[in-house]
Amino acid sequence: MGHPNRTQELIGELIGTFILVFVGTASVITAKLAAGQFSFGVLEYLGVGTAFGVALMVAAYTVGPVSGAHLNPAVTLGLALDKRLPWDRVLPYIVAQCVGAILASLALFTLLGTKAHGLGETMVGSFGSRGALGAEVSLTALLVLLVLGVTDKRGPAGLGGLIIGIYLAASHLVGIPFSGNSLNPARSLGPAVLMGGPALQQLVPVYVVAPLIGGVVGAFVYRWLKK
């Protein structure tokens, strides 16, 4: 089997991000319906976190051999800063991820036929914008640090998708009350584009800028650690 070409890599990122966003955001909706309300408790945190973690694992092992399964602009940026991805491939990867996320939200909306229960959009939580920004920066920095560590040639071979999926699942227990635990600009973009309103208004500062800053921090911390 030959090395995937650029088009195959981008389609892989699109498909992988579609899987992550479709399964993960659908779990937010089903958790709300199961609880009979629009406020989450610990059991809902666990359910949503597990769905996102498993979706990430499935996507990583499905498209990982094709594109590397970044599935997240912050991860793509971190890998570029660590010199594992050429800079001319960063923007195409991010565009493919965002298209995959939007298509996932569009597919979910088509199946539901209504926005009455939301589309799994991320919103600033009870700790306000400062708490949401802090959570998105710090939890994304840890995510990118972990990705760089487990995918390093000295890391545990073949276990990257599993370990990263477990972290993403666990991080929901911390991040949901603050920001909905996006850690991924593409994941928040898809639902926000279709829902509009506060989800779209909060998108850039909280769910685009903060995770990208987290990605930069995670990459520089990893580069410092491995010197």
C-alpha atoms as a PDB file:
ATOM      1  CA  MET A   1       0.000   0.000   0.000  1.00  0.00           C
ATOM      2  CA  GLY A   2       1.434   3.359  -1.090  1.00  0.00           C
ATOM      3  CA  HIS A   3       1.598   6.511   0.947  1.00  0.00           C
ATOM      4  CA  PRO A   4      -1.694   8.457   0.843  1.00  0.00           C
ATOM      5  CA  ASN A   5      -1.702  11.521  -1.395  1.00  0.00           C
ATOM      6  CA  ARG A   6      -2.734  14.999  -0.259  1.00  0.00           C
ATOM      7  CA  THR A   7      -6.350  14.570  -1.322  1.00  0.00           C
ATOM      8  CA  GLN A   8      -6.659  11.272   0.546  1.00  0.00           C
ATOM      9  CA  GLU A   9      -5.177  12.860   3.666  1.00  0.00           C
ATOM     10  CA  LEU A  10      -7.695  15.702   3.589  1.00  0.00           C
ATOM     11  CA  ILE A  11     -10.628  13.365   3.005  1.00  0.00           C
ATOM     12  CA  GLY A  12      -9.360  11.276   5.921  1.00  0.00           C
ATOM     13  CA  GLU A  13      -9.377  14.355   8.176  1.00  0.00           C
ATOM     14  CA  LEU A  14     -12.864  15.275   6.982  1.00  0.00           C
ATOM     15  CA  ILE A  15     -14.241  11.788   7.654  1.00  0.00           C
ATOM     16  CA  GLY A  16     -12.506  11.455  11.013  1.00  0.00           C
ATOM     17  CA  THR A  17     -13.749  14.831  12.240  1.00  0.00           C
ATOM     18  CA  PHE A  18     -17.238  13.981  10.989  1.00  0.00           C
ATOM     19  CA  ILE A  19     -17.219  10.815  13.121  1.00  0.00           C
ATOM     20  CA  LEU A  20     -15.990  12.686  16.201  1.00  0.00           C
ATOM     21  CA  VAL A  21     -18.460  15.562  15.954  1.00  0.00           C
ATOM     22  CA  PHE A  22     -21.481  13.533  14.855  1.00  0.00           C
ATOM     23  CA  VAL A  23     -21.201  10.897  17.583  1.00  0.00           C
ATOM     24  CA  GLY A  24     -20.058  13.308  20.283  1.00  0.00           C
ATOM     25  CA  THR A  25     -22.653  16.018  19.733  1.00  0.00           C
ATOM     26  CA  ALA A  26     -25.429  13.449  19.254  1.00  0.00           C
ATOM     27  CA  SER A  27     -24.572  12.154  22.729  1.00  0.00           C
ATOM     28  CA  VAL A  28     -25.131  15.645  24.153  1.00  0.00           C
ATOM     29  CA  ILE A  29     -28.653  15.650  22.719  1.00  0.00           C
ATOM     30  CA  THR A  30     -29.504  12.147  23.912  1.00  0.00           C
ATOM     31  CA  ALA A  31     -28.127  12.955  27.379  1.00  0.00           C
ATOM     32  CA  LYS A  32     -30.441  15.972  27.588  1.00  0.00           C
ATOM     33  CA  LEU A  33     -33.420  13.900  26.495  1.00  0.00           C
ATOM     34  CA  ALA A  34     -32.584  11.086  28.917  1.00  0.00           C
ATOM     35  CA  ALA A  35     -32.302  13.540  31.796  1.00  0.00           C
ATOM     36  CA  GLY A  36     -35.584  15.181  30.799  1.00  0.00           C
ATOM     37  CA  GLN A  37     -33.996  18.591  31.201  1.00  0.00           C
ATOM     38  CA  PHE A  38     -31.335  20.847  29.747  1.00  0.00           C
ATOM     39  CA  SER A  39     -29.013  20.804  32.762  1.00  0.00           C
ATOM     40  CA  PHE A  40     -26.339  18.155  33.104  1.00  0.00           C
ATOM     41  CA  GLY A  41     -25.352  16.073  36.110  1.00  0.00           C
ATOM     42  CA  VAL A  42     -22.359  13.819  36.704  1.00  0.00           C
ATOM     43  CA  LEU A  43     -23.953  10.866  34.888  1.00  0.00           C
ATOM     44  CA  GLU A  44     -24.508  13.025  31.810  1.00  0.00           C
ATOM     45  CA  TYR A  45     -20.896  14.220  31.987  1.00  0.00           C
ATOM     46  CA  LEU A  46     -19.757  10.602  32.007  1.00  0.00           C
ATOM     47  CA  GLY A  47     -22.011   9.642  29.129  1.00  0.00           C
ATOM     48  CA  VAL A  48     -21.001  12.539  26.906  1.00  0.00           C
ATOM     49  CA  GLY A  49     -17.322  12.159  27.774  1.00  0.00           C
ATOM     50  CA  THR A  50     -17.418   8.448  26.986  1.00  0.00           C
ATOM     51  CA  ALA A  51     -19.102   9.114  23.640  1.00  0.00           C
ATOM     52  CA  PHE A  52     -16.500  11.688  22.635  1.00  0.00           C
ATOM     53  CA  GLY A  53     -13.638   9.488  23.823  1.00  0.00           C
ATOM     54  CA  VAL A  54     -14.871   6.390  21.994  1.00  0.00           C
ATOM     55  CA  ALA A  55     -15.654   8.422  18.862  1.00  0.00           C
ATOM     56  CA  LEU A  56     -12.110   9.772  18.894  1.00  0.00           C
ATOM     57  CA  MET A  57     -10.660   6.269  19.270  1.00  0.00           C
ATOM     58  CA  VAL A  58     -12.772   4.944  16.394  1.00  0.00           C
ATOM     59  CA  ALA A  59     -11.873   7.879  14.154  1.00  0.00           C
ATOM     60  CA  ALA A  60      -8.175   7.697  15.072  1.00  0.00           C
ATOM     61  CA  TYR A  61      -7.824   4.021  14.240  1.00  0.00           C
ATOM     62  CA  THR A  62      -9.942   4.421  11.087  1.00  0.00           C
ATOM     63  CA  VAL A  63      -8.221   7.368   9.410  1.00  0.00           C
ATOM     64  CA  GLY A  64      -4.976   7.489  11.383  1.00  0.00           C
ATOM     65  CA  PRO A  65      -3.046   5.503   8.738  1.00  0.00           C
ATOM     66  CA  VAL A  66      -4.288   7.920   6.069  1.00  0.00           C
ATOM     67  CA  SER A  67      -4.020  11.397   7.605  1.00  0.00           C
ATOM     68  CA  GLY A  68      -2.575  10.943  11.075  1.00  0.00           C
ATOM     69  CA  ALA A  69      -6.042  11.632  12.554  1.00  0.00           C
ATOM     70  CA  HIS A  70      -5.463  15.113  13.909  1.00  0.00           C
ATOM     71  CA  LEU A  71      -9.237  15.862  13.864  1.00  0.00           C
ATOM     72  CA  ASN A  72      -8.582  19.159  15.631  1.00  0.00           C
ATOM     73  CA  PRO A  73      -7.001  22.442  14.431  1.00  0.00           C
ATOM     74  CA  ALA A  74      -5.221  22.845  17.778  1.00  0.00           C
ATOM     75  CA  VAL A  75      -3.577  19.441  17.355  1.00  0.00           C
ATOM     76  CA  THR A  76      -2.601  20.247  13.773  1.00  0.00           C
ATOM     77  CA  LEU A  77      -1.013  23.507  14.951  1.00  0.00           C
ATOM     78  CA  GLY A  78       0.830  21.698  17.741  1.00  0.00           C
ATOM     79  CA  LEU A  79       2.222  19.089  15.365  1.00  0.00           C
ATOM     80  CA  ALA A  80       3.380  21.807  12.966  1.00  0.00           C
ATOM     81  CA  LEU A  81       5.129  23.669  15.785  1.00  0.00           C
ATOM     82  CA  ASP A  82       6.876  20.412  16.721  1.00  0.00           C
ATOM     83  CA  LYS A  83       8.023  20.123  13.075  1.00  0.00           C
ATOM     84  CA  ARG A  84       6.042  16.950  12.399  1.00  0.00           C
ATOM     85  CA  LEU A  85       3.792  18.556   9.785  1.00  0.00           C
ATOM     86  CA  PRO A  86       4.881  20.930   6.996  1.00  0.00           C
ATOM     87  CA  TRP A  87       3.352  24.379   7.382  1.00  0.00           C
ATOM     88  CA  ASP A  88       1.883  24.295   3.865  1.00  0.00           C
ATOM     89  CA  ARG A  89      -0.411  21.461   5.016  1.00  0.00           C
ATOM     90  CA  VAL A  90      -1.725  23.181   8.143  1.00  0.00           C
ATOM     91  CA  LEU A  91      -4.451  25.318   6.539  1.00  0.00           C
ATOM     92  CA  PRO A  92      -5.779  22.540   4.246  1.00  0.00           C
ATOM     93  CA  TYR A  93      -5.971  20.182   7.243  1.00  0.00           C
ATOM     94  CA  ILE A  94      -7.860  22.766   9.293  1.00  0.00           C
ATOM     95  CA  VAL A  95     -10.283  23.480   6.450  1.00  0.00           C
ATOM     96  CA  ALA A  96     -10.963  19.743   6.018  1.00  0.00           C
ATOM     97  CA  GLN A  97     -11.603  19.377   9.754  1.00  0.00           C
ATOM     98  CA  CYS A  98     -14.006  22.320   9.792  1.00  0.00           C
ATOM     99  CA  VAL A  99     -15.896  21.029   6.744  1.00  0.00           C
ATOM    100  CA  GLY A 100     -16.205  17.607   8.389  1.00  0.00           C
ATOM    101  CA  ALA A 101     -17.587  19.195  11.562  1.00  0.00           C
ATOM    102  CA  ILE A 102     -20.133  21.319   9.704  1.00  0.00           C
ATOM    103  CA  LEU A 103     -21.280  18.322   7.674  1.00  0.00           C
ATOM    104  CA  ALA A 104     -21.681  16.323  10.896  1.00  0.00           C
ATOM    105  CA  SER A 105     -23.905  19.005  12.429  1.00  0.00           C
ATOM    106  CA  LEU A 106     -25.869  19.313   9.193  1.00  0.00           C
ATOM    107  CA  ALA A 107     -26.411  15.547   9.125  1.00  0.00           C
ATOM    108  CA  LEU A 108     -27.554  15.567  12.749  1.00  0.00           C
ATOM    109  CA  PHE A 109     -29.951  18.432  12.088  1.00  0.00           C
ATOM    110  CA  THR A 110     -31.329  16.588   9.053  1.00  0.00           C
ATOM    111  CA  LEU A 111     -31.999  13.502  11.176  1.00  0.00           C
ATOM    112  CA  LEU A 112     -33.596  15.472  14.003  1.00  0.00           C
ATOM    113  CA  GLY A 113     -35.589  17.807  11.791  1.00  0.00           C
ATOM    114  CA  THR A 114     -35.507  20.423  14.534  1.00  0.00           C
ATOM    115  CA  LYS A 115     -33.121  22.519  16.612  1.00  0.00           C
ATOM    116  CA  ALA A 116     -35.399  22.335  19.651  1.00  0.00           C
ATOM    117  CA  HIS A 117     -32.930  20.206  21.621  1.00  0.00           C
ATOM    118  CA  GLY A 118     -29.842  21.983  20.296  1.00  0.00           C
ATOM    119  CA  LEU A 119     -27.087  20.417  18.200  1.00  0.00           C
ATOM    120  CA  GLY A 120     -24.570  19.784  20.954  1.00  0.00           C
ATOM    121  CA  GLU A 121     -23.219  23.326  20.771  1.00  0.00           C
ATOM    122  CA  THR A 122     -20.692  24.484  23.355  1.00  0.00           C
ATOM    123  CA  MET A 123     -21.584  27.396  25.624  1.00  0.00           C
ATOM    124  CA  VAL A 124     -19.866  29.344  28.381  1.00  0.00           C
ATOM    125  CA  GLY A 125     -20.777  27.729  31.696  1.00  0.00           C
ATOM    126  CA  SER A 126     -21.627  28.959  35.169  1.00  0.00           C
ATOM    127  CA  PHE A 127     -18.061  30.162  35.836  1.00  0.00           C
ATOM    128  CA  GLY A 128     -18.316  32.830  33.133  1.00  0.00           C
ATOM    129  CA  SER A 129     -16.076  33.746  30.216  1.00  0.00           C
ATOM    130  CA  ARG A 130     -12.890  33.818  32.271  1.00  0.00           C
ATOM    131  CA  GLY A 131     -13.467  30.283  33.519  1.00  0.00           C
ATOM    132  CA  ALA A 132     -14.360  29.054  30.036  1.00  0.00           C
ATOM    133  CA  LEU A 133     -11.263  30.639  28.499  1.00  0.00           C
ATOM    134  CA  GLY A 134      -9.033  29.207  31.209  1.00  0.00           C
ATOM    135  CA  ALA A 135     -10.487  25.730  30.847  1.00  0.00           C
ATOM    136  CA  GLU A 136     -10.189  25.719  27.068  1.00  0.00           C
ATOM    137  CA  VAL A 137      -6.574  26.917  27.116  1.00  0.00           C
ATOM    138  CA  SER A 138      -5.371  24.594  29.879  1.00  0.00           C
ATOM    139  CA  LEU A 139      -7.233  21.429  28.885  1.00  0.00           C
ATOM    140  CA  THR A 140      -6.268  21.865  25.226  1.00  0.00           C
ATOM    141  CA  ALA A 141      -2.636  22.432  26.203  1.00  0.00           C
ATOM    142  CA  LEU A 142      -2.698  19.131  28.098  1.00  0.00           C
ATOM    143  CA  LEU A 143      -4.369  17.428  25.138  1.00  0.00           C
ATOM    144  CA  VAL A 144      -1.716  18.604  22.680  1.00  0.00           C
ATOM    145  CA  LEU A 145       1.070  17.774  25.129  1.00  0.00           C
ATOM    146  CA  LEU A 146      -0.364  14.260  25.408  1.00  0.00           C
ATOM    147  CA  VAL A 147      -0.762  13.868  21.639  1.00  0.00           C
ATOM    148  CA  LEU A 148       2.845  14.874  21.043  1.00  0.00           C
ATOM    149  CA  GLY A 149       4.061  12.517  23.750  1.00  0.00           C
ATOM    150  CA  VAL A 150       2.152   9.373  22.796  1.00  0.00           C
ATOM    151  CA  THR A 151       2.763   9.826  19.059  1.00  0.00           C
ATOM    152  CA  ASP A 152       6.484  10.413  19.496  1.00  0.00           C
ATOM    153  CA  LYS A 153       8.642   7.682  17.984  1.00  0.00           C
ATOM    154  CA  ARG A 154       9.688   6.837  21.549  1.00  0.00           C
ATOM    155  CA  GLY A 155       6.064   6.644  22.699  1.00  0.00           C
ATOM    156  CA  PRO A 156       3.887   3.539  23.139  1.00  0.00           C
ATOM    157  CA  ALA A 157       3.408   2.097  19.665  1.00  0.00           C
ATOM    158  CA  GLY A 158      -0.205   1.649  18.591  1.00  0.00           C
ATOM    159  CA  LEU A 159      -1.740   2.983  21.801  1.00  0.00           C
ATOM    160  CA  GLY A 160      -2.018   6.650  20.877  1.00  0.00           C
ATOM    161  CA  GLY A 161      -5.692   6.580  19.887  1.00  0.00           C
ATOM    162  CA  LEU A 162      -6.667   4.717  23.053  1.00  0.00           C
ATOM    163  CA  ILE A 163      -4.735   6.973  25.434  1.00  0.00           C
ATOM    164  CA  ILE A 164      -5.884  10.208  23.801  1.00  0.00           C
ATOM    165  CA  GLY A 165      -9.485   8.971  23.756  1.00  0.00           C
ATOM    166  CA  ILE A 166      -9.327   8.207  27.478  1.00  0.00           C
ATOM    167  CA  TYR A 167      -7.999  11.702  28.186  1.00  0.00           C
ATOM    168  CA  LEU A 168     -10.709  13.346  26.078  1.00  0.00           C
ATOM    169  CA  ALA A 169     -13.378  11.330  27.888  1.00  0.00           C
ATOM    170  CA  ALA A 170     -11.981  12.191  31.343  1.00  0.00           C
ATOM    171  CA  SER A 171     -11.515  15.869  30.524  1.00  0.00           C
ATOM    172  CA  HIS A 172     -15.291  16.269  30.162  1.00  0.00           C
ATOM    173  CA  LEU A 173     -15.671  15.791  33.916  1.00  0.00           C
ATOM    174  CA  VAL A 174     -13.586  18.924  34.381  1.00  0.00           C
ATOM    175  CA  GLY A 175     -14.450  20.987  31.334  1.00  0.00           C
ATOM    176  CA  ILE A 176     -18.219  20.676  30.870  1.00  0.00           C
ATOM    177  CA  PRO A 177     -19.168  23.001  33.770  1.00  0.00           C
ATOM    178  CA  PHE A 178     -16.747  25.654  32.482  1.00  0.00           C
ATOM    179  CA  SER A 179     -17.126  25.615  28.711  1.00  0.00           C
ATOM    180  CA  GLY A 180     -18.822  22.431  27.551  1.00  0.00           C
ATOM    181  CA  ASN A 181     -15.313  20.991  27.032  1.00  0.00           C
ATOM    182  CA  SER A 182     -14.655  21.643  23.362  1.00  0.00           C
ATOM    183  CA  LEU A 183     -10.819  21.715  23.192  1.00  0.00           C
ATOM    184  CA  ASN A 184     -11.330  21.722  19.425  1.00  0.00           C
ATOM    185  CA  PRO A 185     -12.316  24.710  17.232  1.00  0.00           C
ATOM    186  CA  ALA A 186     -13.845  22.424  14.591  1.00  0.00           C
ATOM    187  CA  ARG A 187     -15.998  20.594  17.151  1.00  0.00           C
ATOM    188  CA  SER A 188     -17.564  23.909  18.252  1.00  0.00           C
ATOM    189  CA  LEU A 189     -17.764  25.409  14.771  1.00  0.00           C
ATOM    190  CA  GLY A 190     -20.133  22.812  13.311  1.00  0.00           C
ATOM    191  CA  PRO A 191     -23.008  23.230  15.800  1.00  0.00           C
ATOM    192  CA  ALA A 192     -22.449  27.003  16.154  1.00  0.00           C
ATOM    193  CA  VAL A 193     -22.813  27.657  12.429  1.00  0.00           C
ATOM    194  CA  LEU A 194     -26.215  25.964  12.362  1.00  0.00           C
ATOM    195  CA  MET A 195     -27.484  27.149  15.750  1.00  0.00           C
ATOM    196  CA  GLY A 196     -26.308  30.770  15.579  1.00  0.00           C
ATOM    197  CA  GLY A 197     -27.072  33.004  18.567  1.00  0.00           C
ATOM    198  CA  PRO A 198     -24.814  32.843  21.662  1.00  0.00           C
ATOM    199  CA  ALA A 199     -23.029  29.717  20.404  1.00  0.00           C
ATOM    200  CA  LEU A 200     -21.822  31.644  17.342  1.00  0.00           C
ATOM    201  CA  GLN A 201     -21.086  34.814  19.295  1.00  0.00           C
ATOM    202  CA  GLN A 202     -18.848  32.948  21.753  1.00  0.00           C
ATOM    203  CA  LEU A 203     -17.186  30.859  19.047  1.00  0.00           C
ATOM    204  CA  VAL A 204     -14.109  32.908  18.161  1.00  0.00           C
ATOM    205  CA  PRO A 205     -12.780  34.033  21.558  1.00  0.00           C
ATOM    206  CA  VAL A 206     -13.652  30.962  23.616  1.00  0.00           C
ATOM    207  CA  TYR A 207     -13.703  28.079  21.147  1.00  0.00           C
ATOM    208  CA  VAL A 208     -11.241  29.141  18.443  1.00  0.00           C
ATOM    209  CA  VAL A 209      -8.654  31.458  19.973  1.00  0.00           C
ATOM    210  CA  ALA A 210      -8.411  29.776  23.399  1.00  0.00           C
ATOM    211  CA  PRO A 211      -7.870  26.199  22.096  1.00  0.00           C
ATOM    212  CA  LEU A 212      -5.322  27.431  19.550  1.00  0.00           C
ATOM    213  CA  ILE A 213      -3.431  29.207  22.330  1.00  0.00           C
ATOM    214  CA  GLY A 214      -3.612  25.955  24.281  1.00  0.00           C
ATOM    215  CA  GLY A 215      -2.178  24.111  21.291  1.00  0.00           C
ATOM    216  CA  VAL A 216       0.764  26.516  21.126  1.00  0.00           C
ATOM    217  CA  VAL A 217       1.401  26.197  24.873  1.00  0.00           C
ATOM    218  CA  GLY A 218       1.251  22.395  24.729  1.00  0.00           C
ATOM    219  CA  ALA A 219       3.667  22.281  21.801  1.00  0.00           C
ATOM    220  CA  PHE A 220       6.225  24.566  23.424  1.00  0.00           C
ATOM    221  CA  VAL A 221       6.053  22.720  26.750  1.00  0.00           C
ATOM    222  CA  TYR A 222       6.672  19.427  24.930  1.00  0.00           C
ATOM    223  CA  ARG A 223       9.608  20.877  22.975  1.00  0.00           C
ATOM    224  CA  TRP A 224      11.088  22.110  26.259  1.00  0.00           C
ATOM    225  CA  LEU A 225      10.588  18.740  27.978  1.00  0.00           C
ATOM    226  CA  LYS A 226      12.269  16.721  25.254  1.00  0.00           C
ATOM    227  CA  LYS A 227      15.403  18.880  24.995  1.00  0.00           C
END
